[in-house]
Amino acid sequence: MFGWACNYTCKPSAVGLHYFNPVQLMQLTEVIATEHTDPAVFELTKQWSNSLGKTSVACGDTPGFIVNRLLVPALAQAMLLVRTHHAQFSLRH
């Protein structure tokens, strides 16, 4: 996803860090490596994220990374269950 943003000289240092909102409350981060990312840079990024009190998971450079690839289909199925009246949903006030 972001590998295209770098020229050839910076590819070994290219790494992604995906936070979740709200950042100050969510503990998870996804650390994203491309096929060119230097493993030392990747590990340093994971350690830095962990030093912020976050839990880091390793992820390849793929659309949606990990969490969104799991979350979006689950949300779509939940909406389908409600729409087809197989489940109910209500907001509590």
C-alpha atoms as a PDB file:
ATOM      1  CA  MET A   1       0.000   0.000   0.000  1.00  0.00           C
ATOM      2  CA  PHE A   2       2.683   2.528   0.868  1.00  0.00           C
ATOM      3  CA  GLY A   3       5.658   0.868  -0.818  1.00  0.00           C
ATOM      4  CA  TRP A   4       5.019   2.955  -3.935  1.00  0.00           C
ATOM      5  CA  ALA A   5       5.561   6.182  -1.960  1.00  0.00           C
ATOM      6  CA  CYS A   6       9.304   5.664  -1.584  1.00  0.00           C
ATOM      7  CA  ASN A   7      12.080   5.818  -4.087  1.00  0.00           C
ATOM      8  CA  TYR A   8      14.577   2.963  -4.155  1.00  0.00           C
ATOM      9  CA  THR A   9      16.991   4.554  -1.658  1.00  0.00           C
ATOM     10  CA  CYS A  10      14.487   4.794   1.200  1.00  0.00           C
ATOM     11  CA  LYS A  11      12.679   1.467   0.762  1.00  0.00           C
ATOM     12  CA  PRO A  12      14.704  -0.359   3.451  1.00  0.00           C
ATOM     13  CA  SER A  13      13.610   2.254   6.011  1.00  0.00           C
ATOM     14  CA  ALA A  14       9.953   2.353   4.935  1.00  0.00           C
ATOM     15  CA  VAL A  15       7.656   1.061   7.665  1.00  0.00           C
ATOM     16  CA  GLY A  16       4.045   1.828   8.519  1.00  0.00           C
ATOM     17  CA  LEU A  17       2.511   2.360  11.934  1.00  0.00           C
ATOM     18  CA  HIS A  18      -1.288   2.191  12.050  1.00  0.00           C
ATOM     19  CA  TYR A  19      -2.921   3.590  15.170  1.00  0.00           C
ATOM     20  CA  PHE A  20      -6.592   3.169  16.041  1.00  0.00           C
ATOM     21  CA  ASN A  21      -8.956   5.928  17.135  1.00  0.00           C
ATOM     22  CA  PRO A  22      -9.108   7.361  19.646  1.00  0.00           C
ATOM     23  CA  VAL A  23      -5.332   7.003  19.808  1.00  0.00           C
ATOM     24  CA  GLN A  24      -5.062   7.937  23.496  1.00  0.00           C
ATOM     25  CA  LEU A  25      -7.456   5.114  24.462  1.00  0.00           C
ATOM     26  CA  MET A  26      -6.833   2.338  21.955  1.00  0.00           C
ATOM     27  CA  GLN A  27      -3.897   0.113  22.847  1.00  0.00           C
ATOM     28  CA  LEU A  28      -3.397  -1.672  19.525  1.00  0.00           C
ATOM     29  CA  THR A  29      -1.084  -0.687  16.692  1.00  0.00           C
ATOM     30  CA  GLU A  30      -0.302  -2.475  13.460  1.00  0.00           C
ATOM     31  CA  VAL A  31       3.328  -2.257  12.331  1.00  0.00           C
ATOM     32  CA  ILE A  32       3.481  -2.697   8.578  1.00  0.00           C
ATOM     33  CA  ALA A  33       6.490  -3.883   6.624  1.00  0.00           C
ATOM     34  CA  THR A  34       6.947  -3.942   2.881  1.00  0.00           C
ATOM     35  CA  GLU A  35       8.967  -6.616   1.148  1.00  0.00           C
ATOM     36  CA  HIS A  36      11.896  -4.156   1.219  1.00  0.00           C
ATOM     37  CA  THR A  37      11.712  -3.096   4.883  1.00  0.00           C
ATOM     38  CA  ASP A  38      14.892  -3.713   6.833  1.00  0.00           C
ATOM     39  CA  PRO A  39      14.026  -6.119   9.693  1.00  0.00           C
ATOM     40  CA  ALA A  40      15.996  -3.929  12.142  1.00  0.00           C
ATOM     41  CA  VAL A  41      13.858  -0.897  11.216  1.00  0.00           C
ATOM     42  CA  PHE A  42      10.720  -2.983  11.631  1.00  0.00           C
ATOM     43  CA  GLU A  43      11.777  -4.239  15.089  1.00  0.00           C
ATOM     44  CA  LEU A  44      12.786  -0.719  16.192  1.00  0.00           C
ATOM     45  CA  THR A  45       9.345   0.563  15.186  1.00  0.00           C
ATOM     46  CA  LYS A  46       7.618  -2.224  17.124  1.00  0.00           C
ATOM     47  CA  GLN A  47       9.759  -1.506  20.189  1.00  0.00           C
ATOM     48  CA  TRP A  48       9.014   2.229  19.968  1.00  0.00           C
ATOM     49  CA  SER A  49       5.280   1.574  19.709  1.00  0.00           C
ATOM     50  CA  ASN A  50       5.451  -0.802  22.669  1.00  0.00           C
ATOM     51  CA  SER A  51       7.348   1.837  24.663  1.00  0.00           C
ATOM     52  CA  LEU A  52       4.286   4.079  24.245  1.00  0.00           C
ATOM     53  CA  GLY A  53       2.215   1.476  26.069  1.00  0.00           C
ATOM     54  CA  LYS A  54       0.729   0.041  22.881  1.00  0.00           C
ATOM     55  CA  THR A  55       0.410  -3.597  21.858  1.00  0.00           C
ATOM     56  CA  SER A  56       1.954  -3.990  18.431  1.00  0.00           C
ATOM     57  CA  VAL A  57       1.096  -6.638  15.876  1.00  0.00           C
ATOM     58  CA  ALA A  58       3.168  -7.344  12.785  1.00  0.00           C
ATOM     59  CA  CYS A  59       1.445  -6.920   9.460  1.00  0.00           C
ATOM     60  CA  GLY A  60       2.386  -7.190   5.817  1.00  0.00           C
ATOM     61  CA  ASP A  61       1.670  -4.393   3.359  1.00  0.00           C
ATOM     62  CA  THR A  62      -1.844  -5.425   2.346  1.00  0.00           C
ATOM     63  CA  PRO A  63      -5.100  -3.501   1.829  1.00  0.00           C
ATOM     64  CA  GLY A  64      -6.928  -3.020   5.111  1.00  0.00           C
ATOM     65  CA  PHE A  65      -4.008  -4.458   7.097  1.00  0.00           C
ATOM     66  CA  ILE A  66      -5.255  -6.944   9.742  1.00  0.00           C
ATOM     67  CA  VAL A  67      -7.961  -5.359  11.867  1.00  0.00           C
ATOM     68  CA  ASN A  68      -9.907  -3.672   9.078  1.00  0.00           C
ATOM     69  CA  ARG A  69      -9.851  -6.849   6.965  1.00  0.00           C
ATOM     70  CA  LEU A  70     -11.501  -8.642   9.877  1.00  0.00           C
ATOM     71  CA  LEU A  71     -13.736  -5.807  11.073  1.00  0.00           C
ATOM     72  CA  VAL A  72     -15.348  -4.635   7.832  1.00  0.00           C
ATOM     73  CA  PRO A  73     -16.745  -8.048   6.762  1.00  0.00           C
ATOM     74  CA  ALA A  74     -18.004  -8.643  10.311  1.00  0.00           C
ATOM     75  CA  LEU A  75     -19.802  -5.281  10.309  1.00  0.00           C
ATOM     76  CA  ALA A  76     -21.269  -5.993   6.875  1.00  0.00           C
ATOM     77  CA  GLN A  77     -22.632  -9.332   8.105  1.00  0.00           C
ATOM     78  CA  ALA A  78     -24.074  -7.683  11.220  1.00  0.00           C
ATOM     79  CA  MET A  79     -25.868  -5.086   9.080  1.00  0.00           C
ATOM     80  CA  LEU A  80     -27.186  -7.843   6.823  1.00  0.00           C
ATOM     81  CA  LEU A  81     -28.583  -9.743   9.829  1.00  0.00           C
ATOM     82  CA  VAL A  82     -30.419  -6.616  10.982  1.00  0.00           C
ATOM     83  CA  ARG A  83     -31.661  -5.761   7.492  1.00  0.00           C
ATOM     84  CA  THR A  84     -33.024  -9.270   6.948  1.00  0.00           C
ATOM     85  CA  HIS A  85     -34.633  -9.254  10.419  1.00  0.00           C
ATOM     86  CA  HIS A  86     -32.503 -12.124  11.719  1.00  0.00           C
ATOM     87  CA  ALA A  87     -31.159  -9.849  14.446  1.00  0.00           C
ATOM     88  CA  GLN A  88     -32.338  -6.714  16.194  1.00  0.00           C
ATOM     89  CA  PHE A  89     -30.446  -3.578  17.014  1.00  0.00           C
ATOM     90  CA  SER A  90     -31.394  -0.665  19.204  1.00  0.00           C
ATOM     91  CA  LEU A  91     -29.574   2.303  20.655  1.00  0.00           C
ATOM     92  CA  ARG A  92     -29.691   2.745  24.409  1.00  0.00           C
ATOM     93  CA  HIS A  93     -30.350   6.265  25.605  1.00  0.00           C
END
